N, C-alpha and C. Protein backbone atom coordinates (compact mmCIF):
# COMPACT_ATOMS: atom_id res chain seq x y z
N MET A 1 74.85 -67.12 -53.87
CA MET A 1 74.37 -66.79 -52.54
C MET A 1 74.14 -65.28 -52.98
N ASN A 2 72.89 -64.84 -52.18
CA ASN A 2 72.52 -63.11 -52.39
C ASN A 2 73.28 -62.71 -51.05
N GLU A 3 73.98 -61.47 -51.44
CA GLU A 3 74.58 -60.87 -50.27
C GLU A 3 74.08 -59.18 -50.32
N LEU A 4 74.31 -58.57 -49.33
CA LEU A 4 73.87 -57.10 -49.00
C LEU A 4 75.03 -56.71 -48.26
N THR A 5 75.83 -55.52 -48.53
CA THR A 5 76.86 -55.19 -47.41
C THR A 5 76.42 -53.69 -47.24
N LEU A 6 76.45 -53.57 -45.69
CA LEU A 6 76.00 -52.44 -45.14
C LEU A 6 77.26 -51.68 -44.32
N GLU A 7 77.66 -50.28 -44.57
CA GLU A 7 78.42 -49.53 -44.04
C GLU A 7 78.17 -48.68 -43.13
N TRP A 8 78.80 -48.26 -42.07
CA TRP A 8 78.29 -47.00 -41.16
C TRP A 8 79.54 -46.61 -40.46
N TYR A 9 79.47 -45.54 -39.87
CA TYR A 9 80.62 -45.01 -38.85
C TYR A 9 80.12 -44.84 -37.54
N GLU A 10 80.59 -45.67 -36.68
CA GLU A 10 80.33 -45.60 -35.37
C GLU A 10 81.80 -45.65 -34.41
N ALA A 11 81.97 -44.49 -33.46
CA ALA A 11 83.32 -44.23 -32.79
C ALA A 11 84.46 -43.92 -33.72
N THR A 12 83.80 -42.96 -34.77
CA THR A 12 85.09 -42.45 -35.68
C THR A 12 85.83 -43.31 -36.66
N GLN A 13 84.92 -44.73 -36.47
CA GLN A 13 85.61 -45.98 -37.15
C GLN A 13 84.26 -46.31 -38.61
N VAL A 14 84.96 -46.69 -39.38
CA VAL A 14 83.99 -47.11 -40.55
C VAL A 14 83.89 -48.61 -40.40
N LYS A 15 82.77 -48.94 -40.26
CA LYS A 15 82.03 -50.50 -40.04
C LYS A 15 81.36 -50.96 -41.18
N SER A 16 81.88 -52.00 -41.46
CA SER A 16 81.25 -52.88 -42.65
C SER A 16 80.71 -53.91 -42.24
N LEU A 17 79.81 -54.54 -42.85
CA LEU A 17 79.42 -56.21 -42.46
C LEU A 17 78.31 -56.71 -44.02
N THR A 18 78.67 -57.64 -44.16
CA THR A 18 78.01 -58.44 -45.25
C THR A 18 77.08 -59.36 -44.89
N ILE A 19 75.74 -59.26 -45.28
CA ILE A 19 74.83 -60.10 -44.69
C ILE A 19 74.14 -60.90 -45.75
N ASN A 20 74.22 -62.42 -45.73
CA ASN A 20 73.67 -62.97 -46.88
C ASN A 20 72.03 -63.76 -46.35
N ASP A 21 71.48 -64.27 -47.57
CA ASP A 21 70.30 -64.54 -47.49
C ASP A 21 70.28 -65.96 -46.86
N HIS A 22 71.23 -66.68 -46.21
CA HIS A 22 71.08 -67.76 -45.42
C HIS A 22 71.67 -67.70 -43.91
N GLN A 23 71.94 -66.43 -43.70
CA GLN A 23 72.68 -65.94 -42.59
C GLN A 23 71.79 -66.51 -41.44
N ILE A 24 72.43 -66.98 -40.34
CA ILE A 24 71.52 -67.32 -39.13
C ILE A 24 71.82 -66.29 -38.03
N GLY A 25 70.42 -65.85 -37.92
CA GLY A 25 70.25 -64.34 -36.92
C GLY A 25 69.44 -65.02 -35.57
N LYS A 26 69.33 -63.99 -34.89
CA LYS A 26 68.46 -64.15 -33.39
C LYS A 26 67.30 -64.51 -34.12
N ASN A 27 66.33 -63.89 -34.94
CA ASN A 27 65.16 -64.48 -35.31
C ASN A 27 65.27 -64.80 -36.92
N PRO A 28 65.04 -66.33 -37.00
CA PRO A 28 65.33 -66.88 -37.91
C PRO A 28 64.54 -66.38 -39.55
N GLY A 29 65.65 -66.21 -40.68
CA GLY A 29 65.22 -65.53 -41.49
C GLY A 29 65.50 -64.03 -41.85
N THR A 30 65.85 -63.50 -40.62
CA THR A 30 66.31 -61.91 -40.73
C THR A 30 67.42 -61.51 -40.21
N ILE A 31 68.01 -60.55 -40.28
CA ILE A 31 69.24 -59.73 -39.47
C ILE A 31 68.61 -58.67 -38.85
N ARG A 32 68.45 -58.51 -37.44
CA ARG A 32 67.96 -57.45 -36.61
C ARG A 32 68.93 -56.60 -36.07
N ILE A 33 68.54 -55.31 -36.05
CA ILE A 33 69.72 -54.05 -35.85
C ILE A 33 68.86 -53.39 -34.93
N GLY A 34 69.71 -52.85 -33.83
CA GLY A 34 69.30 -52.16 -32.95
C GLY A 34 70.62 -52.00 -31.66
N ARG A 35 69.64 -51.18 -30.60
CA ARG A 35 71.05 -51.41 -29.51
C ARG A 35 71.49 -52.47 -28.57
N ASP A 36 70.00 -53.34 -28.76
CA ASP A 36 69.97 -54.63 -27.67
C ASP A 36 70.85 -55.83 -28.09
N PRO A 37 71.88 -56.03 -27.34
CA PRO A 37 72.61 -57.31 -28.00
C PRO A 37 71.90 -58.49 -27.65
N ALA A 38 70.92 -58.63 -26.90
CA ALA A 38 70.39 -59.82 -26.64
C ALA A 38 69.06 -60.10 -27.78
N ARG A 39 69.03 -59.08 -28.30
CA ARG A 39 67.98 -59.31 -29.46
C ARG A 39 68.19 -58.89 -30.96
N CYS A 40 69.39 -58.33 -30.91
CA CYS A 40 69.81 -57.59 -32.26
C CYS A 40 71.08 -58.65 -32.58
N ASP A 41 71.19 -58.97 -34.21
CA ASP A 41 72.34 -59.27 -34.59
C ASP A 41 73.59 -58.25 -34.90
N ILE A 42 73.05 -56.86 -35.44
CA ILE A 42 74.12 -55.98 -35.41
C ILE A 42 73.54 -54.92 -34.32
N VAL A 43 74.47 -54.57 -33.59
CA VAL A 43 74.45 -53.86 -32.12
C VAL A 43 75.21 -52.79 -32.42
N LEU A 44 74.08 -51.33 -32.31
CA LEU A 44 74.81 -49.97 -32.53
C LEU A 44 74.71 -49.34 -31.12
N THR A 45 75.75 -48.42 -30.93
CA THR A 45 75.87 -47.97 -29.84
C THR A 45 75.35 -46.60 -29.35
N ASP A 46 74.44 -46.17 -30.54
CA ASP A 46 74.27 -44.68 -30.55
C ASP A 46 72.68 -44.40 -29.99
N PRO A 47 72.59 -43.78 -28.72
CA PRO A 47 71.35 -43.70 -28.22
C PRO A 47 70.26 -43.48 -28.74
N THR A 48 70.20 -42.67 -29.95
CA THR A 48 68.99 -42.48 -30.63
C THR A 48 68.50 -43.60 -31.34
N VAL A 49 69.22 -45.02 -31.45
CA VAL A 49 68.79 -46.16 -31.95
C VAL A 49 68.06 -46.85 -30.79
N SER A 50 66.89 -47.33 -31.41
CA SER A 50 66.15 -47.89 -30.40
C SER A 50 66.49 -49.59 -30.30
N GLY A 51 66.06 -50.03 -29.08
CA GLY A 51 66.42 -51.22 -28.80
C GLY A 51 66.69 -52.55 -29.75
N LEU A 52 65.51 -52.79 -30.36
CA LEU A 52 64.98 -53.49 -31.52
C LEU A 52 64.70 -52.55 -32.69
N HIS A 53 65.52 -52.14 -33.54
CA HIS A 53 64.69 -50.87 -34.53
C HIS A 53 64.47 -51.59 -35.88
N VAL A 54 65.30 -52.24 -36.57
CA VAL A 54 64.75 -52.80 -37.72
C VAL A 54 65.34 -54.28 -38.00
N GLU A 55 64.69 -54.87 -39.20
CA GLU A 55 65.58 -56.15 -39.42
C GLU A 55 65.35 -56.17 -41.04
N ILE A 56 66.51 -56.80 -41.27
CA ILE A 56 66.64 -56.98 -43.15
C ILE A 56 66.46 -58.33 -43.29
N PHE A 57 65.91 -58.70 -44.51
CA PHE A 57 65.64 -59.99 -44.94
C PHE A 57 65.56 -60.02 -46.40
N PHE A 58 65.78 -61.20 -46.95
CA PHE A 58 65.93 -61.67 -48.47
C PHE A 58 64.46 -61.89 -48.85
N GLN A 59 63.64 -61.54 -49.68
CA GLN A 59 62.57 -61.95 -50.44
C GLN A 59 63.03 -62.65 -51.68
N ALA A 60 63.00 -64.18 -51.87
CA ALA A 60 63.25 -64.79 -52.82
C ALA A 60 62.49 -64.52 -54.29
N GLN A 61 61.05 -64.29 -53.72
CA GLN A 61 60.33 -64.18 -55.07
C GLN A 61 60.39 -62.85 -55.69
N GLN A 62 60.87 -61.96 -54.72
CA GLN A 62 61.20 -60.36 -55.72
C GLN A 62 62.37 -60.49 -55.93
N GLN A 63 63.55 -61.35 -55.37
CA GLN A 63 64.84 -61.32 -55.59
C GLN A 63 65.38 -60.04 -55.00
N SER A 64 65.07 -59.96 -53.78
CA SER A 64 65.79 -58.58 -53.08
C SER A 64 65.80 -58.37 -51.84
N PHE A 65 66.49 -57.59 -51.22
CA PHE A 65 66.68 -57.51 -49.60
C PHE A 65 65.62 -56.56 -49.28
N TYR A 66 65.07 -56.63 -47.93
CA TYR A 66 63.90 -55.33 -47.67
C TYR A 66 64.17 -55.02 -46.27
N LEU A 67 63.94 -54.14 -46.02
CA LEU A 67 64.34 -53.44 -44.58
C LEU A 67 62.82 -53.47 -43.93
N ARG A 68 62.64 -54.06 -42.95
CA ARG A 68 61.27 -54.10 -42.03
C ARG A 68 61.09 -53.11 -40.88
N SER A 69 60.61 -52.10 -40.52
CA SER A 69 60.50 -51.39 -39.38
C SER A 69 59.70 -52.31 -38.38
N LEU A 70 60.33 -51.93 -37.10
CA LEU A 70 59.78 -52.69 -35.79
C LEU A 70 59.67 -51.56 -34.91
N ARG A 71 59.55 -50.36 -35.36
CA ARG A 71 59.56 -49.08 -34.51
C ARG A 71 58.23 -48.03 -35.03
N GLU A 72 57.30 -48.12 -34.70
CA GLU A 72 56.41 -47.03 -35.03
C GLU A 72 56.57 -45.83 -34.46
N SER A 73 56.99 -45.57 -32.99
CA SER A 73 57.45 -44.54 -32.45
C SER A 73 58.87 -43.80 -32.74
N ASN A 74 59.70 -44.38 -33.28
CA ASN A 74 61.06 -44.01 -33.91
C ASN A 74 61.26 -44.63 -35.18
N PRO A 75 60.63 -44.47 -36.16
CA PRO A 75 60.73 -45.23 -37.53
C PRO A 75 61.96 -44.78 -38.22
N PRO A 76 62.45 -45.90 -39.06
CA PRO A 76 63.47 -45.61 -39.84
C PRO A 76 63.27 -44.99 -40.83
N LEU A 77 64.19 -44.18 -41.30
CA LEU A 77 63.93 -43.21 -42.57
C LEU A 77 65.09 -43.67 -43.51
N VAL A 78 64.41 -44.32 -44.72
CA VAL A 78 64.85 -45.13 -45.69
C VAL A 78 65.06 -44.05 -47.13
N ASP A 79 65.89 -43.69 -47.64
CA ASP A 79 65.92 -43.07 -48.84
C ASP A 79 64.85 -41.92 -49.07
N GLY A 80 65.18 -41.07 -47.61
CA GLY A 80 64.29 -39.85 -47.39
C GLY A 80 62.80 -40.04 -46.81
N CYS A 81 62.39 -41.15 -46.82
CA CYS A 81 61.00 -41.88 -46.69
C CYS A 81 60.87 -42.44 -45.30
N SER A 82 59.86 -41.80 -44.39
CA SER A 82 59.50 -42.63 -42.97
C SER A 82 59.05 -43.99 -43.30
N ILE A 83 59.64 -44.88 -42.79
CA ILE A 83 58.81 -46.10 -42.68
C ILE A 83 58.40 -46.68 -41.34
N ALA A 84 57.01 -46.16 -40.73
CA ALA A 84 56.48 -46.39 -39.53
C ALA A 84 56.42 -47.88 -39.50
N GLN A 85 55.50 -48.39 -40.79
CA GLN A 85 55.08 -49.64 -40.72
C GLN A 85 55.23 -50.12 -41.96
N GLY A 86 55.22 -51.67 -42.05
CA GLY A 86 55.87 -52.08 -43.57
C GLY A 86 57.36 -52.27 -43.79
N GLU A 87 57.57 -52.59 -44.80
CA GLU A 87 58.91 -52.69 -45.22
C GLU A 87 59.19 -52.28 -46.50
N VAL A 88 60.48 -51.99 -46.87
CA VAL A 88 61.15 -51.58 -48.24
C VAL A 88 61.94 -52.09 -48.85
N ALA A 89 61.92 -51.88 -50.09
CA ALA A 89 63.34 -52.92 -50.64
C ALA A 89 64.54 -52.00 -50.64
N LEU A 90 65.74 -52.59 -50.50
CA LEU A 90 67.06 -51.97 -50.37
C LEU A 90 67.93 -52.21 -51.56
N SER A 91 68.70 -51.14 -52.30
CA SER A 91 69.05 -51.47 -53.37
C SER A 91 70.66 -50.83 -53.04
N GLN A 92 71.83 -51.16 -53.77
CA GLN A 92 73.08 -50.63 -53.66
C GLN A 92 72.99 -49.24 -53.72
N GLY A 93 73.20 -48.48 -52.84
CA GLY A 93 73.44 -46.83 -52.40
C GLY A 93 72.26 -46.47 -51.75
N SER A 94 71.18 -47.33 -51.29
CA SER A 94 70.49 -46.98 -50.42
C SER A 94 70.85 -46.37 -48.76
N ILE A 95 70.45 -45.36 -48.54
CA ILE A 95 70.81 -44.73 -47.15
C ILE A 95 69.54 -44.84 -46.26
N PHE A 96 70.07 -45.53 -44.94
CA PHE A 96 68.81 -45.26 -44.21
C PHE A 96 69.36 -44.81 -42.75
N TYR A 97 68.30 -44.10 -42.01
CA TYR A 97 68.86 -43.49 -40.73
C TYR A 97 67.92 -44.35 -39.46
N LEU A 98 68.52 -45.16 -38.71
CA LEU A 98 68.13 -45.48 -37.30
C LEU A 98 68.41 -44.14 -36.33
N GLY A 99 67.43 -43.67 -36.16
CA GLY A 99 67.67 -42.40 -35.03
C GLY A 99 68.48 -41.58 -36.02
N GLN A 100 69.76 -41.10 -35.34
CA GLN A 100 70.65 -40.43 -35.91
C GLN A 100 71.70 -40.97 -36.45
N MET A 101 71.80 -42.35 -36.71
CA MET A 101 72.89 -43.21 -37.24
C MET A 101 72.45 -43.47 -38.74
N GLU A 102 73.59 -43.04 -39.34
CA GLU A 102 73.27 -43.33 -40.77
C GLU A 102 74.22 -44.78 -41.08
N LEU A 103 73.17 -45.63 -41.93
CA LEU A 103 73.68 -46.69 -42.76
C LEU A 103 73.72 -46.75 -44.12
N LYS A 104 74.42 -47.15 -44.94
CA LYS A 104 74.40 -47.28 -46.23
C LYS A 104 74.60 -48.62 -46.94
N VAL A 105 73.83 -48.90 -47.74
CA VAL A 105 74.12 -50.38 -48.71
C VAL A 105 74.84 -49.93 -49.61
N THR A 106 76.32 -50.58 -49.68
CA THR A 106 77.48 -50.38 -50.50
C THR A 106 77.25 -51.47 -51.55
N ALA A 107 76.51 -52.41 -51.22
CA ALA A 107 76.85 -53.25 -52.26
C ALA A 107 75.57 -54.54 -52.29
N VAL A 108 75.25 -55.08 -52.97
CA VAL A 108 73.98 -55.80 -53.30
C VAL A 108 74.49 -56.83 -54.35
N CYS A 109 74.51 -58.14 -53.99
CA CYS A 109 74.97 -58.91 -54.66
C CYS A 109 74.08 -60.29 -54.88
N LEU A 110 73.43 -60.61 -56.30
CA LEU A 110 72.51 -61.35 -56.50
C LEU A 110 72.90 -62.52 -57.26
N GLY A 111 73.56 -63.52 -56.37
CA GLY A 111 74.20 -64.70 -57.38
C GLY A 111 73.31 -65.48 -57.49
N ALA A 112 72.12 -65.85 -56.78
CA ALA A 112 71.33 -67.06 -57.26
C ALA A 112 70.15 -66.74 -57.90
N ILE A 113 70.36 -65.67 -58.94
CA ILE A 113 69.41 -65.13 -59.93
C ILE A 113 68.83 -66.40 -60.74
N ALA A 114 67.94 -66.70 -60.64
CA ALA A 114 67.52 -67.85 -62.11
C ALA A 114 67.99 -67.38 -63.22
N VAL A 115 68.85 -67.93 -63.85
CA VAL A 115 69.18 -67.88 -65.42
C VAL A 115 68.84 -68.94 -66.11
N PRO A 116 68.25 -68.82 -67.42
CA PRO A 116 67.77 -70.00 -68.20
C PRO A 116 69.16 -70.65 -68.22
N ALA A 117 69.21 -72.09 -68.79
CA ALA A 117 70.43 -72.92 -68.57
C ALA A 117 70.77 -72.49 -70.08
N THR A 118 72.20 -72.60 -70.19
CA THR A 118 72.92 -71.98 -71.69
C THR A 118 73.43 -73.20 -72.30
N ILE A 119 72.91 -73.68 -73.85
CA ILE A 119 73.22 -74.84 -74.25
C ILE A 119 74.61 -74.71 -75.15
N ILE A 120 75.49 -75.32 -74.38
CA ILE A 120 76.88 -75.42 -75.16
C ILE A 120 77.30 -76.52 -76.14
N MET A 121 77.00 -76.48 -77.68
CA MET A 121 77.39 -77.43 -78.43
C MET A 121 77.15 -76.91 -79.83
N PRO A 122 78.40 -77.40 -80.40
CA PRO A 122 78.71 -76.84 -82.00
C PRO A 122 77.58 -77.05 -82.79
N PRO A 123 77.25 -76.56 -83.66
CA PRO A 123 76.18 -76.33 -84.56
C PRO A 123 76.21 -77.70 -85.77
N SER A 124 77.49 -78.14 -85.63
CA SER A 124 77.41 -79.36 -86.53
C SER A 124 77.27 -80.94 -85.92
N SER A 125 77.37 -80.66 -84.47
CA SER A 125 77.19 -82.04 -83.66
C SER A 125 75.88 -82.58 -83.87
N PRO A 126 76.10 -84.21 -83.87
CA PRO A 126 74.67 -84.78 -84.12
C PRO A 126 73.82 -84.63 -82.95
N ALA A 127 74.39 -84.24 -81.55
CA ALA A 127 73.31 -83.75 -80.62
C ALA A 127 72.61 -82.59 -81.04
N ALA A 128 73.12 -81.50 -81.68
CA ALA A 128 72.22 -80.29 -82.02
C ALA A 128 71.47 -80.40 -82.96
N LYS A 129 71.32 -81.63 -83.91
CA LYS A 129 70.34 -81.78 -85.08
C LYS A 129 69.18 -82.04 -84.40
N ALA A 130 68.10 -81.50 -85.05
CA ALA A 130 66.54 -81.86 -84.52
C ALA A 130 66.38 -83.22 -84.61
N VAL A 131 65.56 -83.89 -83.53
CA VAL A 131 65.02 -85.23 -83.58
C VAL A 131 63.60 -85.14 -83.84
N ALA A 132 63.12 -86.32 -84.76
CA ALA A 132 61.73 -86.50 -84.88
C ALA A 132 60.86 -86.60 -83.62
N PRO A 133 59.82 -86.42 -83.29
CA PRO A 133 59.15 -86.79 -82.29
C PRO A 133 58.87 -88.23 -82.12
N GLY A 134 58.94 -88.88 -80.81
CA GLY A 134 58.74 -90.23 -80.73
C GLY A 134 60.27 -90.80 -80.86
N THR A 135 61.58 -89.99 -81.03
CA THR A 135 62.54 -90.95 -81.43
C THR A 135 63.37 -90.42 -80.34
N THR A 136 64.50 -91.06 -80.19
CA THR A 136 65.66 -90.85 -79.10
C THR A 136 66.84 -90.33 -79.60
N ARG A 137 67.60 -89.60 -79.23
CA ARG A 137 69.05 -88.93 -79.59
C ARG A 137 69.87 -90.00 -79.70
N PRO A 138 70.66 -90.09 -80.71
CA PRO A 138 71.84 -91.22 -80.77
C PRO A 138 72.74 -91.42 -79.59
N ASN A 139 73.01 -90.25 -79.31
CA ASN A 139 73.94 -90.40 -78.22
C ASN A 139 73.43 -89.67 -76.96
N PRO A 140 73.88 -90.03 -75.83
CA PRO A 140 73.02 -89.32 -74.71
C PRO A 140 73.79 -87.90 -74.29
N VAL A 141 73.32 -87.24 -73.91
CA VAL A 141 73.80 -85.64 -73.32
C VAL A 141 73.84 -85.74 -71.89
N THR A 142 74.68 -84.78 -71.22
CA THR A 142 74.78 -84.74 -69.83
C THR A 142 74.82 -83.13 -69.64
N TYR A 143 74.33 -82.79 -68.41
CA TYR A 143 74.53 -81.56 -67.92
C TYR A 143 75.96 -81.34 -67.13
N GLY A 144 76.40 -79.94 -67.13
CA GLY A 144 77.49 -79.70 -66.33
C GLY A 144 76.99 -78.13 -65.36
N LEU A 145 78.16 -78.05 -64.72
CA LEU A 145 78.34 -76.56 -64.17
C LEU A 145 79.20 -75.47 -64.72
N GLN A 146 78.80 -74.59 -65.49
CA GLN A 146 79.93 -73.50 -66.01
C GLN A 146 80.48 -72.77 -65.12
N CYS A 147 81.78 -72.48 -64.77
CA CYS A 147 82.18 -71.34 -64.07
C CYS A 147 81.97 -70.10 -64.40
N PHE A 148 81.75 -69.10 -63.55
CA PHE A 148 81.69 -67.75 -64.25
C PHE A 148 82.94 -67.14 -64.39
N ALA A 149 83.87 -67.69 -63.63
CA ALA A 149 85.47 -66.92 -63.55
C ALA A 149 86.13 -67.65 -64.90
N CYS A 150 85.99 -68.84 -65.09
CA CYS A 150 87.01 -69.40 -66.23
C CYS A 150 86.12 -70.07 -67.21
N ASN A 151 84.88 -69.84 -67.30
CA ASN A 151 83.93 -70.60 -68.30
C ASN A 151 84.12 -72.12 -68.68
N LYS A 152 85.06 -72.89 -67.77
CA LYS A 152 85.12 -74.09 -67.92
C LYS A 152 83.86 -74.86 -67.22
N VAL A 153 83.58 -75.78 -67.93
CA VAL A 153 82.53 -76.83 -67.28
C VAL A 153 82.72 -77.91 -66.66
N SER A 154 82.13 -78.17 -65.31
CA SER A 154 82.54 -79.06 -64.52
C SER A 154 81.41 -80.12 -64.09
N PRO A 155 81.70 -81.27 -63.82
CA PRO A 155 80.50 -82.26 -63.67
C PRO A 155 79.56 -81.80 -62.20
N TYR A 156 78.17 -81.93 -62.09
CA TYR A 156 77.61 -81.80 -61.07
C TYR A 156 78.12 -82.14 -59.79
N LYS A 157 79.02 -83.24 -59.67
CA LYS A 157 79.28 -83.50 -58.25
C LYS A 157 80.45 -82.54 -57.91
N GLN A 158 81.01 -81.64 -58.67
CA GLN A 158 82.01 -80.52 -58.24
C GLN A 158 81.40 -79.42 -57.50
N LEU A 159 79.80 -79.48 -57.40
CA LEU A 159 78.64 -78.11 -56.73
C LEU A 159 79.46 -77.63 -55.64
N ASN A 160 79.78 -78.84 -54.60
CA ASN A 160 79.95 -78.48 -53.10
C ASN A 160 81.67 -77.79 -53.09
N LEU A 161 82.32 -78.61 -54.12
CA LEU A 161 83.90 -78.49 -54.00
C LEU A 161 84.41 -77.22 -54.71
N GLY A 162 83.77 -76.84 -55.75
CA GLY A 162 83.96 -75.46 -56.51
C GLY A 162 84.51 -75.75 -57.89
N CYS A 163 84.98 -74.80 -58.53
CA CYS A 163 85.94 -75.14 -60.30
C CYS A 163 87.08 -75.81 -59.82
N PRO A 164 87.29 -76.86 -60.13
CA PRO A 164 88.42 -77.73 -60.08
C PRO A 164 89.73 -77.03 -60.72
N TRP A 165 89.31 -76.04 -61.85
CA TRP A 165 90.40 -75.16 -62.33
C TRP A 165 90.95 -74.06 -61.74
N CYS A 166 89.88 -73.13 -61.22
CA CYS A 166 90.26 -71.89 -60.53
C CYS A 166 89.69 -71.84 -59.21
N GLY A 167 88.92 -72.97 -58.70
CA GLY A 167 88.62 -72.67 -57.02
C GLY A 167 87.48 -72.02 -56.73
N THR A 168 86.69 -71.40 -57.89
CA THR A 168 85.84 -70.51 -57.63
C THR A 168 84.24 -71.17 -57.28
N SER A 169 83.31 -70.75 -56.42
CA SER A 169 82.10 -71.51 -56.09
C SER A 169 81.34 -71.67 -57.30
N LEU A 170 80.67 -72.88 -57.16
CA LEU A 170 79.96 -73.08 -58.42
C LEU A 170 78.64 -73.13 -57.90
N ALA A 171 78.12 -72.53 -56.77
CA ALA A 171 76.92 -72.33 -56.24
C ALA A 171 75.85 -71.65 -57.42
N ALA A 172 76.10 -70.74 -58.04
CA ALA A 172 75.40 -69.94 -58.81
C ALA A 172 75.75 -70.03 -59.86
N ALA A 173 76.46 -71.41 -60.68
CA ALA A 173 77.21 -71.21 -61.75
C ALA A 173 76.00 -71.82 -62.78
N LEU A 174 75.94 -71.44 -64.25
CA LEU A 174 74.94 -71.68 -65.17
C LEU A 174 75.12 -73.30 -65.36
N SER A 175 73.86 -74.07 -65.53
CA SER A 175 73.60 -75.28 -65.67
C SER A 175 73.63 -75.28 -67.39
N VAL A 176 74.66 -76.55 -67.71
CA VAL A 176 74.79 -76.29 -69.32
C VAL A 176 74.49 -77.86 -69.74
N LEU A 177 74.35 -77.69 -70.88
CA LEU A 177 74.22 -79.04 -71.78
C LEU A 177 75.85 -79.52 -72.40
N VAL A 178 75.95 -80.46 -72.11
CA VAL A 178 77.52 -81.05 -72.52
C VAL A 178 77.22 -82.07 -73.42
N THR A 179 77.89 -82.03 -74.84
CA THR A 179 77.59 -83.03 -75.84
C THR A 179 78.31 -84.18 -75.41
N PRO A 180 77.90 -85.52 -76.22
CA PRO A 180 78.77 -86.53 -75.86
C PRO A 180 80.38 -86.53 -76.17
N ASN A 181 80.86 -85.91 -77.06
CA ASN A 181 82.28 -85.44 -76.94
C ASN A 181 82.98 -84.49 -76.11
N GLY A 182 82.19 -84.05 -75.30
CA GLY A 182 82.64 -83.03 -74.18
C GLY A 182 82.47 -81.44 -74.63
N ASN A 183 82.27 -81.13 -75.65
CA ASN A 183 81.88 -79.65 -76.02
C ASN A 183 80.98 -79.02 -75.40
């Protein structure tokens, strides 16, 4: 899952919220920020913030979170640049102003980055030896999910249940080739 964490000060308190790429908001596919609770998912009380100011969304092709301006007359200032129209990529450390309200991106976690499959098999195993074109391997091979935390390989049926050894989510686990003898 892809996540972005925002932090800001409001009424002398530090507030923080993590947004994910599948979060359900008032406008599908986006999280809207502004003063109006009827139209916004993150409601700020500062009077310099517009009723509907910006929206944040995840662009899967770019593997990045973006901020889109919804106000030409009171545009957001992102990393020192005024964004009257269009959108700009956000990264960890990005600072943006909605009116006089400062919000900071404190973390970006891109857990669903496409990673090529890692093949785990000992070099001496029969499955690792080259097979002539038109022939099949003597033993079938299967795929599993390698946990990021403990590196153990689980069957695909564990995808929605998590790692049976440590409980870590397998949603962004590496897909690995498993030899017939379980290596």
